[in-house]
Amino acid sequence: MEEKHKEYLNYNFSDNEEFRRYIDGIEPPPPLSKIERYKKKFYRLKVDKDFDVDYEPQSVPQPQQAPRAEQGLSLIHISEPTRQAEISYAVFCLKKKKKKK
């Protein structure tokens, strides 16, 4: 199962016109949080009929990072990607925190 998941992760969705039409045909458009689920369904439908859309690999521990406050940055805004144009993007705005005296 792990190997099939690796193949899924290596699949090029961004250059796949058929996938783009598949996602654009969903009404109402799915929120960003659901796109991964639709990718898995498309992959099973068009690439590997035995792919398990419910499979989640065991998580790998991530390296410890300093809390955001210690980095001196705070997140002030996130805009969701748009799918209306050929190119889709999201914007993350960070504000540098003032040092306390």
C-alpha atoms as a PDB file:
ATOM      1  CA  MET A   1       0.000   0.000   0.000  1.00  0.00           C
ATOM      2  CA  GLU A   2       2.865   2.353   0.816  1.00  0.00           C
ATOM      3  CA  GLU A   3       4.239   1.974  -2.728  1.00  0.00           C
ATOM      4  CA  LYS A   4       0.876   2.829  -4.320  1.00  0.00           C
ATOM      5  CA  HIS A   5       0.663   5.921  -2.134  1.00  0.00           C
ATOM      6  CA  LYS A   6       4.152   7.017  -3.251  1.00  0.00           C
ATOM      7  CA  GLU A   7       3.083   6.620  -6.884  1.00  0.00           C
ATOM      8  CA  TYR A   8       0.014   8.735  -6.135  1.00  0.00           C
ATOM      9  CA  LEU A   9       2.172  11.451  -4.564  1.00  0.00           C
ATOM     10  CA  ASN A  10       4.407  11.510  -7.636  1.00  0.00           C
ATOM     11  CA  TYR A  11       1.487  11.837 -10.065  1.00  0.00           C
ATOM     12  CA  ASN A  12       1.477  15.193 -11.877  1.00  0.00           C
ATOM     13  CA  PHE A  13      -1.989  16.652 -11.295  1.00  0.00           C
ATOM     14  CA  SER A  14      -0.997  20.219 -12.165  1.00  0.00           C
ATOM     15  CA  ASP A  15      -0.277  19.444 -15.842  1.00  0.00           C
ATOM     16  CA  ASN A  16      -3.250  17.118 -16.267  1.00  0.00           C
ATOM     17  CA  GLU A  17      -5.988  18.808 -18.293  1.00  0.00           C
ATOM     18  CA  GLU A  18      -8.420  15.956 -17.608  1.00  0.00           C
ATOM     19  CA  PHE A  19      -7.986  16.466 -13.840  1.00  0.00           C
ATOM     20  CA  ARG A  20      -8.530  20.204 -14.244  1.00  0.00           C
ATOM     21  CA  ARG A  21     -11.810  19.564 -16.088  1.00  0.00           C
ATOM     22  CA  TYR A  22     -12.801  17.032 -13.399  1.00  0.00           C
ATOM     23  CA  ILE A  23     -12.283  19.562 -10.583  1.00  0.00           C
ATOM     24  CA  ASP A  24     -13.830  22.455 -12.527  1.00  0.00           C
ATOM     25  CA  GLY A  25     -16.932  20.325 -13.167  1.00  0.00           C
ATOM     26  CA  ILE A  26     -17.705  19.888  -9.472  1.00  0.00           C
ATOM     27  CA  GLU A  27     -20.587  22.096  -8.350  1.00  0.00           C
ATOM     28  CA  PRO A  28     -20.424  23.796  -5.981  1.00  0.00           C
ATOM     29  CA  PRO A  29     -16.630  24.092  -6.150  1.00  0.00           C
ATOM     30  CA  PRO A  30     -15.081  22.154  -3.266  1.00  0.00           C
ATOM     31  CA  PRO A  31     -13.251  24.053  -0.525  1.00  0.00           C
ATOM     32  CA  LEU A  32      -9.485  23.826  -0.506  1.00  0.00           C
ATOM     33  CA  SER A  33      -9.632  21.414   2.436  1.00  0.00           C
ATOM     34  CA  LYS A  34     -11.448  18.822   0.264  1.00  0.00           C
ATOM     35  CA  ILE A  35      -9.252  18.982  -2.875  1.00  0.00           C
ATOM     36  CA  GLU A  36      -6.942  16.195  -1.672  1.00  0.00           C
ATOM     37  CA  ARG A  37      -9.926  13.850  -1.377  1.00  0.00           C
ATOM     38  CA  TYR A  38     -10.995  14.657  -4.960  1.00  0.00           C
ATOM     39  CA  LYS A  39      -7.429  14.098  -6.181  1.00  0.00           C
ATOM     40  CA  LYS A  40      -7.478  10.624  -4.641  1.00  0.00           C
ATOM     41  CA  LYS A  41     -10.854   9.820  -6.212  1.00  0.00           C
ATOM     42  CA  PHE A  42      -9.657  11.005  -9.631  1.00  0.00           C
ATOM     43  CA  TYR A  43      -6.460   8.966  -9.288  1.00  0.00           C
ATOM     44  CA  ARG A  44      -8.447   5.820  -8.487  1.00  0.00           C
ATOM     45  CA  LEU A  45     -10.882   6.484 -11.335  1.00  0.00           C
ATOM     46  CA  LYS A  46      -8.341   7.308 -14.066  1.00  0.00           C
ATOM     47  CA  VAL A  47      -4.965   5.863 -13.025  1.00  0.00           C
ATOM     48  CA  ASP A  48      -5.148   2.975 -10.538  1.00  0.00           C
ATOM     49  CA  LYS A  49      -8.514   1.325  -9.879  1.00  0.00           C
ATOM     50  CA  ASP A  50      -7.023  -0.500  -6.860  1.00  0.00           C
ATOM     51  CA  PHE A  51      -5.843   2.700  -5.155  1.00  0.00           C
ATOM     52  CA  ASP A  52      -7.239   3.018  -1.615  1.00  0.00           C
ATOM     53  CA  VAL A  53      -8.528   6.593  -1.198  1.00  0.00           C
ATOM     54  CA  ASP A  54      -8.813   6.062   2.571  1.00  0.00           C
ATOM     55  CA  TYR A  55      -5.185   5.018   3.079  1.00  0.00           C
ATOM     56  CA  GLU A  56      -3.059   7.442   5.092  1.00  0.00           C
ATOM     57  CA  PRO A  57       0.611   6.637   5.636  1.00  0.00           C
ATOM     58  CA  GLN A  58       1.938   6.755   9.163  1.00  0.00           C
ATOM     59  CA  SER A  59       3.050  10.266   9.876  1.00  0.00           C
ATOM     60  CA  VAL A  60       6.729  11.027  10.038  1.00  0.00           C
ATOM     61  CA  PRO A  61       7.731  13.199  13.006  1.00  0.00           C
ATOM     62  CA  GLN A  62       8.492  16.719  11.858  1.00  0.00           C
ATOM     63  CA  PRO A  63      11.529  18.590  13.181  1.00  0.00           C
ATOM     64  CA  GLN A  64      10.769  20.898  16.088  1.00  0.00           C
ATOM     65  CA  GLN A  65      10.331  24.508  15.097  1.00  0.00           C
ATOM     66  CA  ALA A  66      10.353  27.508  17.341  1.00  0.00           C
ATOM     67  CA  PRO A  67       6.881  28.748  18.218  1.00  0.00           C
ATOM     68  CA  ARG A  68       5.696  31.529  15.940  1.00  0.00           C
ATOM     69  CA  ALA A  69       6.029  34.082  18.744  1.00  0.00           C
ATOM     70  CA  GLU A  70       9.729  33.264  19.096  1.00  0.00           C
ATOM     71  CA  GLN A  71      10.218  33.738  15.356  1.00  0.00           C
ATOM     72  CA  GLY A  72       8.863  37.258  15.624  1.00  0.00           C
ATOM     73  CA  LEU A  73       6.126  36.696  13.018  1.00  0.00           C
ATOM     74  CA  SER A  74       2.377  36.474  13.259  1.00  0.00           C
ATOM     75  CA  LEU A  75      -0.059  35.365  10.601  1.00  0.00           C
ATOM     76  CA  ILE A  76      -2.561  38.103   9.857  1.00  0.00           C
ATOM     77  CA  HIS A  77      -4.359  36.885   6.735  1.00  0.00           C
ATOM     78  CA  ILE A  78      -4.758  33.915   4.389  1.00  0.00           C
ATOM     79  CA  SER A  79      -6.723  34.070   1.156  1.00  0.00           C
ATOM     80  CA  GLU A  80      -7.947  30.844  -0.429  1.00  0.00           C
ATOM     81  CA  PRO A  81      -6.697  29.933  -3.891  1.00  0.00           C
ATOM     82  CA  THR A  82      -8.971  30.824  -6.744  1.00  0.00           C
ATOM     83  CA  ARG A  83      -9.743  28.428  -9.579  1.00  0.00           C
ATOM     84  CA  GLN A  84     -11.313  30.950 -11.920  1.00  0.00           C
ATOM     85  CA  ALA A  85      -8.129  31.771 -13.820  1.00  0.00           C
ATOM     86  CA  GLU A  86      -5.553  29.602 -15.563  1.00  0.00           C
ATOM     87  CA  ILE A  87      -3.177  30.253 -12.659  1.00  0.00           C
ATOM     88  CA  SER A  88      -4.373  29.808  -9.089  1.00  0.00           C
ATOM     89  CA  TYR A  89      -2.679  31.240  -6.040  1.00  0.00           C
ATOM     90  CA  ALA A  90      -3.034  31.819  -2.306  1.00  0.00           C
ATOM     91  CA  VAL A  91      -1.703  34.765  -0.349  1.00  0.00           C
ATOM     92  CA  PHE A  92      -0.225  34.514   3.131  1.00  0.00           C
ATOM     93  CA  CYS A  93       0.452  37.758   4.957  1.00  0.00           C
ATOM     94  CA  LEU A  94       2.889  37.811   7.849  1.00  0.00           C
ATOM     95  CA  LYS A  95       3.475  40.743  10.157  1.00  0.00           C
ATOM     96  CA  LYS A  96       6.740  41.211  11.968  1.00  0.00           C
ATOM     97  CA  LYS A  97       6.093  41.599  15.666  1.00  0.00           C
ATOM     98  CA  LYS A  98       7.472  44.573  17.530  1.00  0.00           C
ATOM     99  CA  LYS A  99      10.038  43.637  20.129  1.00  0.00           C
ATOM    100  CA  LYS A 100       8.952  44.157  23.715  1.00  0.00           C
ATOM    101  CA  LYS A 101      11.199  46.419  25.737  1.00  0.00           C
END
